[in-house]
Amino acid sequence: MAGTRLTRMLASVSDRDRAIRIIKESFIEGRLAMDEFEQRVGQVLESREFGELLALTADLPVRSPFDRLPSHPTAPRRSGPLPLRLPCGSDPGWHGYSAARQAFT
């Protein structure tokens, strides 16, 4: 299920940039012809989901492990609400609700 969630995740600009860098390096090394290079770069720019980027770079080598997709953690998200820590009156950095309210009015 985690793999499905990862491939359905929306692609970010940095994800697309990384995919283009991988494709460009493969073109420079002679692994891709010009028409395939242009086609893959066009598909990267049109991609919406992360899985599309994975498919476009799956058969290409990378120079560094840091260039590998994904750049996002693949660990499953924690379920349940996030812990909430509110400032309290005993906190020396907290001057109370009224001081915060005055700063924004």
Protein backbone atom coordinates (compact mmCIF):
# COMPACT_ATOMS: atom_id res chain seq x y z
CA MET A 1 0.00 0.00 0.00
CA ALA A 2 2.86 2.41 0.74
CA GLY A 3 4.15 1.96 -2.82
CA THR A 4 0.73 2.80 -4.25
CA ARG A 5 0.51 5.90 -2.08
CA LEU A 6 3.97 7.00 -3.26
CA THR A 7 3.14 6.64 -6.95
CA ARG A 8 -0.18 8.48 -6.50
CA MET A 9 1.54 11.40 -4.76
CA LEU A 10 1.59 14.66 -6.70
CA ALA A 11 4.96 15.54 -8.23
CA SER A 12 6.74 18.67 -7.04
CA VAL A 13 8.86 21.06 -9.06
CA SER A 14 12.03 19.65 -7.48
CA ASP A 15 10.89 16.10 -8.40
CA ARG A 16 10.50 17.18 -12.02
CA ASP A 17 13.88 18.95 -11.98
CA ARG A 18 15.56 15.81 -10.64
CA ALA A 19 13.91 13.66 -13.31
CA ILE A 20 15.01 16.06 -16.05
CA ARG A 21 18.58 16.01 -14.70
CA ILE A 22 18.63 12.19 -14.83
CA ILE A 23 17.26 12.19 -18.40
CA LYS A 24 19.71 14.91 -19.49
CA GLU A 25 22.72 13.02 -18.08
CA SER A 26 21.58 9.86 -19.88
CA PHE A 27 21.27 11.81 -23.14
CA ILE A 28 24.78 13.27 -22.73
CA GLU A 29 26.15 9.75 -22.12
CA GLY A 30 24.54 8.58 -25.36
CA ARG A 31 21.89 6.37 -23.76
CA LEU A 32 19.01 8.30 -25.35
CA ALA A 33 18.49 9.62 -28.87
CA MET A 34 17.51 13.27 -29.32
CA ASP A 35 13.86 12.49 -30.10
CA GLU A 36 13.51 10.24 -27.03
CA PHE A 37 15.22 12.87 -24.87
CA GLU A 38 12.80 15.56 -26.05
CA GLN A 39 9.82 13.25 -25.63
CA ARG A 40 10.75 12.27 -22.06
CA VAL A 41 11.46 15.86 -20.99
CA GLY A 42 8.07 16.88 -22.42
CA GLN A 43 6.38 14.07 -20.50
CA VAL A 44 8.17 15.08 -17.29
CA LEU A 45 6.94 18.65 -17.65
CA GLU A 46 3.36 17.43 -18.21
CA SER A 47 3.42 14.85 -15.41
CA ARG A 48 1.23 15.37 -12.38
CA GLU A 49 1.93 12.27 -10.32
CA PHE A 50 5.20 11.04 -8.89
CA GLY A 51 4.66 7.58 -10.39
CA GLU A 52 4.85 9.08 -13.88
CA LEU A 53 8.32 10.41 -13.07
CA LEU A 54 9.38 7.02 -11.75
CA ALA A 55 8.27 5.37 -14.98
CA LEU A 56 10.17 7.90 -17.12
CA THR A 57 13.48 7.35 -15.27
CA ALA A 58 13.21 3.69 -14.25
CA ASP A 59 15.48 2.39 -17.04
CA LEU A 60 18.16 5.09 -16.62
CA PRO A 61 21.22 4.95 -14.34
CA VAL A 62 22.04 7.66 -11.83
CA ARG A 63 25.48 8.93 -10.83
CA SER A 64 24.77 9.48 -7.16
CA PRO A 65 22.37 7.81 -4.75
CA PHE A 66 21.11 11.32 -3.95
CA ASP A 67 19.84 11.68 -7.52
CA ARG A 68 17.53 8.70 -7.19
CA LEU A 69 13.84 9.33 -7.10
CA PRO A 70 12.12 9.65 -4.64
CA SER A 71 13.37 12.48 -2.52
CA HIS A 72 10.43 12.08 -0.19
CA PRO A 73 10.39 9.76 2.81
CA THR A 74 8.58 6.56 2.00
CA ALA A 75 7.69 5.67 5.59
CA PRO A 76 3.94 5.52 6.18
CA ARG A 77 2.38 8.50 7.82
CA ARG A 78 1.48 8.36 11.46
CA SER A 79 -2.23 7.97 11.99
CA GLY A 80 -4.12 10.04 14.49
CA PRO A 81 -3.91 13.68 15.44
CA LEU A 82 -0.59 15.43 15.79
CA PRO A 83 0.47 16.34 19.31
CA LEU A 84 -0.43 19.89 20.12
CA ARG A 85 1.81 21.97 22.33
CA LEU A 86 0.39 25.29 23.34
CA PRO A 87 2.39 27.95 25.11
CA CYS A 88 1.36 28.46 28.69
CA GLY A 89 1.67 31.23 31.21
CA SER A 90 4.62 29.56 32.94
CA ASP A 91 6.71 29.64 29.74
CA PRO A 92 9.14 32.61 30.02
CA GLY A 93 8.83 33.28 26.26
CA TRP A 94 5.05 33.53 26.40
CA HIS A 95 3.55 36.91 27.26
CA GLY A 96 -0.05 35.87 27.16
CA TYR A 97 -2.93 36.04 24.74
CA SER A 98 -3.54 39.75 25.17
CA ALA A 99 0.04 40.66 24.15
CA ALA A 100 -0.21 38.50 21.04
CA ARG A 101 -3.60 39.98 20.19
CA GLN A 102 -2.27 43.54 20.54
CA ALA A 103 0.60 42.77 18.15
CA PHE A 104 -1.83 41.89 15.36
CA THR A 105 -4.36 44.70 15.82
